[in-house]
Amino acid sequence: MNTVALMSRDTLLLKQLQEAFARRAPQLSAVLADDPRAANAQIAACWFPLPGSLAALPNLQVIHSVAAGIDHLEHDPSCPDLPVCRVVDPGHRQGMTEYVRWAVIHFHRGFDQVLEQQRQQHWERPLQRPAHEFRIGVMGLGSLGSAIAQDLASAGYDVRGWARSSKDLSGVQTFAGSDAFNPFLDGVELLINLLPLTHETRGILNRQTFEHLANGAALVNVGRGGHLNIEDLQQALARGKLRGALLDVFEQEPLPADHSLWKTSGVTITPHMASAASHDCIAEQIAENFRRLNAGEPLLNSADRLLGY
């Protein structure tokens, strides 16, 4: 029987993936890491695999992220030097676009302020500003970031984007490379992070970055938890440099109940819900790569572990 090993700390996700494989790829046996049959697995389907779990699979040939990112594979230091693939779901872009639209409206129209006013039983109408006066910066202009930047530009916002390499996007002022990073940040009122997590981008949401934003700016992090320096964020919020932050991703998920972010004023937490590949899409794409692997064909959505995406 062709075997895929499911590797994650998330027990609910594992159950859902097993059900999806049974529906969409019944020709494969999707087993958990502690199942003896996992030793036969040629592909490991991963989301934050446990340390040592990947090295325990002697017949492994491909490591497959069940998400668009691959940085979570670093949580298993035993991860062997094998081809890595990721899942690209067409619906993922739509979901992320919807989430970011909400985040933009939340800060542009002052819903963060009126929610705080409600807690204080205070009535004050926020200033209504036209979209073209609200400057948004999008960090990361891959398939998701480019789509979101252009979606916001089409809605009338003043949008600029920054990436490692040059991009040409309709309606969006683009910046590229490290030398252009600070000019990109200058005057931004809402910073949206969609970067991949790499050695170069880890901790990029820090005090130095925040200092270049407009006073009272806001942050939306839908990239990875490792992008954010939490202490720098809390200090920026406390002194009013930032007015708020909407965080959907964290280095440890679920976010521990005793984590200080839960009670940090100005922070809104969502449970990594911005967007995700559907379970059926995950099963179908991994099944297709299983077929390609055994047919000697190029794999879909191969990733570069050195680049991190």
Protein backbone atom coordinates (compact mmCIF):
# COMPACT_ATOMS: atom_id res chain seq x y z
CA MET A 1 0.00 0.00 0.00
CA ASN A 2 1.33 3.47 -0.89
CA THR A 3 1.85 5.30 2.39
CA VAL A 4 1.90 8.95 3.44
CA ALA A 5 2.96 9.77 7.00
CA LEU A 6 1.06 12.65 8.65
CA MET A 7 3.29 14.66 10.97
CA SER A 8 1.94 17.43 13.23
CA ARG A 9 1.45 18.52 16.82
CA ASP A 10 -2.16 19.42 15.94
CA THR A 11 -4.26 16.33 16.64
CA LEU A 12 -7.42 17.84 15.13
CA LEU A 13 -5.58 18.61 11.89
CA LEU A 14 -4.28 15.04 11.73
CA LYS A 15 -7.81 13.68 12.05
CA GLN A 16 -9.10 16.05 9.38
CA LEU A 17 -6.28 15.15 6.99
CA GLN A 18 -6.91 11.43 7.41
CA GLU A 19 -10.56 12.02 6.53
CA ALA A 20 -9.57 14.12 3.49
CA PHE A 21 -7.18 11.45 2.18
CA ALA A 22 -9.92 8.85 2.60
CA ARG A 23 -12.26 11.05 0.52
CA ARG A 24 -9.94 12.41 -2.13
CA ALA A 25 -7.02 9.97 -2.32
CA PRO A 26 -8.21 6.53 -1.17
CA GLN A 27 -5.37 4.91 -3.12
CA LEU A 28 -3.00 6.20 -0.42
CA SER A 29 -2.76 5.07 3.17
CA ALA A 30 -2.44 8.19 5.33
CA VAL A 31 -1.10 7.11 8.72
CA LEU A 32 0.10 8.87 11.85
CA ALA A 33 3.75 9.02 12.83
CA ASP A 34 3.34 6.45 15.63
CA ASP A 35 1.71 3.91 13.31
CA PRO A 36 4.15 1.07 12.40
CA ARG A 37 3.12 1.53 8.76
CA ALA A 38 4.72 4.99 8.79
CA ALA A 39 8.09 3.29 8.34
CA ASN A 40 7.05 2.57 4.74
CA ALA A 41 6.11 6.18 3.95
CA GLN A 42 7.69 7.77 0.90
CA ILE A 43 6.13 11.18 1.60
CA ALA A 44 5.69 12.96 4.92
CA ALA A 45 2.85 15.51 5.05
CA CYS A 46 3.91 18.04 7.67
CA TRP A 47 2.71 20.92 9.79
CA PHE A 48 5.14 21.68 12.66
CA PRO A 49 6.51 18.11 12.86
CA LEU A 50 7.77 16.93 16.24
CA PRO A 51 11.55 16.92 16.73
CA GLY A 52 13.06 13.65 15.53
CA SER A 53 9.92 12.49 13.74
CA LEU A 54 11.19 12.90 10.18
CA ALA A 55 14.49 11.12 10.80
CA ALA A 56 12.50 8.12 12.01
CA LEU A 57 11.14 7.42 8.52
CA PRO A 58 13.71 5.23 6.73
CA ASN A 59 11.99 5.20 3.31
CA LEU A 60 11.18 8.89 3.11
CA GLN A 61 11.79 10.51 -0.30
CA VAL A 62 9.82 13.78 -0.17
CA ILE A 63 8.91 16.18 2.63
CA HIS A 64 5.61 17.89 1.89
CA SER A 65 4.35 20.94 3.77
CA VAL A 66 0.56 21.01 4.03
CA ALA A 67 0.70 24.82 3.79
CA ALA A 68 2.16 27.44 1.49
CA GLY A 69 5.11 27.98 3.83
CA ILE A 70 7.93 25.60 4.72
CA ASP A 71 9.56 27.39 7.68
CA HIS A 72 7.68 25.21 10.17
CA LEU A 73 9.85 22.26 9.10
CA GLU A 74 12.65 23.83 11.15
CA HIS A 75 10.81 22.66 14.27
CA ASP A 76 12.24 19.22 13.53
CA PRO A 77 16.05 19.59 13.50
CA SER A 78 16.28 16.03 12.17
CA CYS A 79 14.64 17.07 8.89
CA PRO A 80 16.70 15.25 6.22
CA ASP A 81 18.05 16.85 3.06
CA LEU A 82 15.27 15.73 0.71
CA PRO A 83 13.08 17.48 -1.87
CA VAL A 84 10.52 19.76 -0.23
CA CYS A 85 7.13 20.67 -1.67
CA ARG A 86 4.32 22.91 -0.49
CA VAL A 87 0.60 23.20 -1.14
CA VAL A 88 -0.73 25.97 -3.39
CA ASP A 89 -4.50 26.27 -3.12
CA PRO A 90 -6.24 28.73 -5.48
CA GLY A 91 -8.77 29.38 -2.71
CA HIS A 92 -5.96 30.39 -0.34
CA ARG A 93 -5.52 33.72 -2.13
CA GLN A 94 -9.23 34.52 -1.87
CA GLY A 95 -9.31 33.72 1.83
CA MET A 96 -6.25 35.84 2.56
CA THR A 97 -7.63 38.73 0.52
CA GLU A 98 -10.88 38.65 2.50
CA TYR A 99 -9.04 38.63 5.82
CA VAL A 100 -6.80 41.55 4.84
CA ARG A 101 -9.77 43.57 3.56
CA TRP A 102 -11.32 43.21 7.01
CA ALA A 103 -8.05 44.19 8.70
CA VAL A 104 -7.71 47.29 6.53
CA ILE A 105 -11.29 48.43 7.21
CA HIS A 106 -10.77 47.71 10.92
CA PHE A 107 -8.03 50.32 11.13
CA HIS A 108 -8.96 52.66 8.26
CA ARG A 109 -12.49 53.27 9.59
CA GLY A 110 -11.43 53.25 13.25
CA PHE A 111 -13.26 50.14 14.41
CA ASP A 112 -10.35 49.43 16.75
CA GLN A 113 -11.03 52.79 18.40
CA VAL A 114 -14.79 52.41 18.70
CA LEU A 115 -14.49 48.93 20.20
CA GLU A 116 -12.26 50.39 22.90
CA GLN A 117 -14.72 53.26 23.35
CA GLN A 118 -17.53 50.76 23.86
CA ARG A 119 -15.61 49.18 26.73
CA GLN A 120 -15.31 52.66 28.23
CA GLN A 121 -18.96 53.55 27.46
CA HIS A 122 -17.70 56.52 25.48
CA TRP A 123 -19.39 57.95 22.35
CA GLU A 124 -17.10 59.59 19.80
CA ARG A 125 -17.32 59.25 16.04
CA PRO A 126 -13.93 58.55 14.37
CA LEU A 127 -12.84 60.84 11.57
CA GLN A 128 -13.89 59.36 8.23
CA ARG A 129 -11.03 59.58 5.75
CA PRO A 130 -11.09 58.74 2.04
CA ALA A 131 -9.20 55.59 1.12
CA HIS A 132 -6.68 57.45 -1.04
CA GLU A 133 -5.46 59.31 2.06
CA PHE A 134 -4.73 56.08 3.95
CA ARG A 135 -1.24 54.79 3.14
CA ILE A 136 -0.78 51.02 3.28
CA GLY A 137 2.51 49.15 3.00
CA VAL A 138 2.58 45.49 1.97
CA MET A 139 5.72 43.53 2.85
CA GLY A 140 6.14 40.58 0.51
CA LEU A 141 4.96 40.63 -3.09
CA GLY A 142 4.68 36.97 -3.94
CA SER A 143 1.46 35.53 -5.32
CA LEU A 144 -0.49 36.44 -2.18
CA GLY A 145 1.10 39.81 -1.48
CA SER A 146 0.81 40.99 -5.08
CA ALA A 147 -2.86 40.02 -5.24
CA ILE A 148 -3.62 41.79 -1.96
CA ALA A 149 -1.69 44.94 -2.86
CA GLN A 150 -3.54 45.25 -6.16
CA ASP A 151 -6.88 44.47 -4.55
CA LEU A 152 -6.38 47.30 -2.05
CA ALA A 153 -5.16 49.66 -4.77
CA SER A 154 -8.29 48.93 -6.80
CA ALA A 155 -10.35 49.86 -3.73
CA GLY A 156 -8.72 53.30 -3.81
CA TYR A 157 -6.05 52.97 -1.12
CA ASP A 158 -2.59 54.51 -1.36
CA VAL A 159 -0.64 51.24 -1.59
CA ARG A 160 3.06 50.59 -1.72
CA GLY A 161 4.84 47.24 -1.64
CA TRP A 162 8.29 45.94 -0.79
CA ALA A 163 10.01 42.72 -1.85
CA ARG A 164 13.48 41.25 -2.21
CA SER A 165 13.38 41.63 -5.98
CA SER A 166 11.73 44.17 -8.28
CA LYS A 167 8.01 43.87 -9.07
CA ASP A 168 5.76 45.80 -11.43
CA LEU A 169 2.20 46.00 -10.12
CA SER A 170 -0.62 48.10 -11.49
CA GLY A 171 -1.59 50.90 -9.10
CA VAL A 172 1.09 49.99 -6.55
CA GLN A 173 4.33 51.85 -5.86
CA THR A 174 6.96 49.15 -5.45
CA PHE A 175 10.30 49.06 -3.63
CA ALA A 176 12.94 46.34 -3.85
CA GLY A 177 15.96 45.28 -1.82
CA SER A 178 17.38 46.21 1.58
CA ASP A 179 18.38 49.74 0.54
CA ALA A 180 14.76 50.55 -0.30
CA PHE A 181 13.26 49.15 2.89
CA ASN A 182 13.33 52.31 5.01
CA PRO A 183 12.04 54.55 2.18
CA PHE A 184 9.20 52.03 1.72
CA LEU A 185 8.26 52.29 5.40
CA ASP A 186 8.31 56.08 5.65
CA GLY A 187 4.84 57.45 6.37
CA VAL A 188 3.04 54.08 6.17
CA GLU A 189 -0.08 54.06 8.36
CA LEU A 190 -0.87 50.35 8.09
CA LEU A 191 1.89 47.80 7.61
CA ILE A 192 0.83 44.37 6.37
CA ASN A 193 3.40 41.56 6.55
CA LEU A 194 3.14 38.69 4.06
CA LEU A 195 6.83 37.82 3.81
CA PRO A 196 8.12 34.25 3.89
CA LEU A 197 10.11 33.50 7.03
CA THR A 198 13.81 33.24 6.18
CA HIS A 199 17.04 33.93 8.05
CA GLU A 200 16.97 37.43 6.54
CA THR A 201 13.38 38.23 7.49
CA ARG A 202 13.27 36.71 10.99
CA GLY A 203 12.59 39.50 13.51
CA ILE A 204 12.05 42.12 10.79
CA LEU A 205 9.01 43.55 12.60
CA ASN A 206 11.06 45.30 15.23
CA ARG A 207 11.68 48.68 16.86
CA GLN A 208 13.75 49.97 13.95
CA THR A 209 11.00 49.09 11.48
CA PHE A 210 8.28 50.63 13.63
CA GLU A 211 10.22 53.89 13.98
CA HIS A 212 9.95 54.58 10.25
CA LEU A 213 6.15 54.23 10.20
CA ALA A 214 3.77 57.14 10.69
CA ASN A 215 3.04 57.93 14.33
CA GLY A 216 -0.01 55.98 15.42
CA ALA A 217 0.37 53.40 12.64
CA ALA A 218 -0.98 49.86 12.90
CA LEU A 219 0.44 46.44 12.10
CA VAL A 220 -1.12 43.34 10.53
CA ASN A 221 1.00 40.18 10.69
CA VAL A 222 -0.24 37.33 8.52
CA GLY A 223 3.26 36.14 7.64
CA ARG A 224 4.84 34.09 10.42
CA GLY A 225 5.24 34.55 14.16
CA GLY A 226 9.02 34.57 13.78
CA HIS A 227 8.85 37.87 11.89
CA LEU A 228 7.73 39.73 15.01
CA ASN A 229 9.80 40.96 17.94
CA ILE A 230 7.07 40.86 20.57
CA GLU A 231 8.88 43.00 23.13
CA ASP A 232 9.49 45.75 20.55
CA LEU A 233 5.82 45.62 19.55
CA GLN A 234 4.64 45.93 23.15
CA GLN A 235 6.94 48.89 23.74
CA ALA A 236 5.79 50.62 20.55
CA LEU A 237 2.16 50.19 21.61
CA ALA A 238 2.82 51.39 25.15
CA ARG A 239 4.42 54.63 24.00
CA GLY A 240 1.89 55.27 21.25
CA LYS A 241 4.19 54.82 18.27
CA LEU A 242 1.76 52.12 17.16
CA ARG A 243 -1.95 52.33 17.86
CA GLY A 244 -2.71 48.67 17.33
CA ALA A 245 -1.73 45.31 15.93
CA LEU A 246 -3.74 42.48 14.42
CA LEU A 247 -1.82 39.22 14.80
CA ASP A 248 -2.81 35.95 13.18
CA VAL A 249 0.45 33.98 13.43
CA PHE A 250 2.68 33.06 16.36
CA GLU A 251 5.88 31.13 16.95
CA GLN A 252 4.01 28.80 19.30
CA GLU A 253 0.52 27.78 18.26
CA PRO A 254 -1.92 27.60 19.89
CA LEU A 255 -0.76 30.73 21.71
CA PRO A 256 -0.31 29.72 25.36
CA ALA A 257 -3.08 30.92 27.67
CA ASP A 258 -0.56 32.72 29.90
CA HIS A 259 1.14 34.60 27.05
CA SER A 260 1.40 38.35 27.60
CA LEU A 261 0.00 39.14 24.13
CA TRP A 262 -3.50 38.09 25.22
CA LYS A 263 -3.64 41.08 27.57
CA THR A 264 -1.56 43.60 25.63
CA SER A 265 -3.63 46.71 25.02
CA GLY A 266 -4.13 47.39 21.31
CA VAL A 267 -3.50 43.80 20.20
CA THR A 268 -6.19 41.74 18.47
CA ILE A 269 -5.47 38.03 18.20
CA THR A 270 -6.96 35.64 15.66
CA PRO A 271 -6.20 31.89 15.69
CA HIS A 272 -4.18 31.52 12.45
CA MET A 273 -7.41 31.82 10.47
CA ALA A 274 -6.49 34.32 7.75
CA SER A 275 -6.46 31.56 5.16
CA ALA A 276 -5.39 27.99 4.69
CA ALA A 277 -5.40 25.35 1.99
CA SER A 278 -8.48 23.14 2.17
CA HIS A 279 -7.92 19.65 3.49
CA ASP A 280 -9.21 18.17 0.24
CA CYS A 281 -6.77 20.30 -1.77
CA ILE A 282 -3.90 19.13 0.47
CA ALA A 283 -4.81 15.48 -0.08
CA GLU A 284 -5.20 15.92 -3.85
CA GLN A 285 -1.89 17.75 -4.34
CA ILE A 286 0.08 15.33 -2.19
CA ALA A 287 -1.52 12.41 -4.04
CA GLU A 288 -0.50 13.98 -7.35
CA ASN A 289 3.07 14.41 -6.12
CA PHE A 290 3.06 10.81 -4.94
CA ARG A 291 2.10 9.76 -8.46
CA ARG A 292 4.77 12.02 -9.98
CA LEU A 293 7.41 10.73 -7.59
CA ASN A 294 6.82 7.14 -8.61
CA ALA A 295 6.55 8.04 -12.30
CA GLY A 296 9.83 9.96 -12.26
CA GLU A 297 8.10 13.24 -13.18
CA PRO A 298 8.88 16.73 -11.78
CA LEU A 299 7.13 17.45 -8.49
CA LEU A 300 4.50 20.17 -8.15
CA ASN A 301 5.22 23.29 -6.08
CA SER A 302 8.82 22.44 -5.19
CA ALA A 303 10.39 24.77 -2.62
CA ASP A 304 13.95 25.89 -2.01
CA ARG A 305 14.92 25.23 1.61
CA LEU A 306 17.80 27.74 1.43
CA LEU A 307 15.50 30.53 0.28
CA GLY A 308 12.73 29.40 2.63
CA TYR A 309 9.97 29.29 0.00
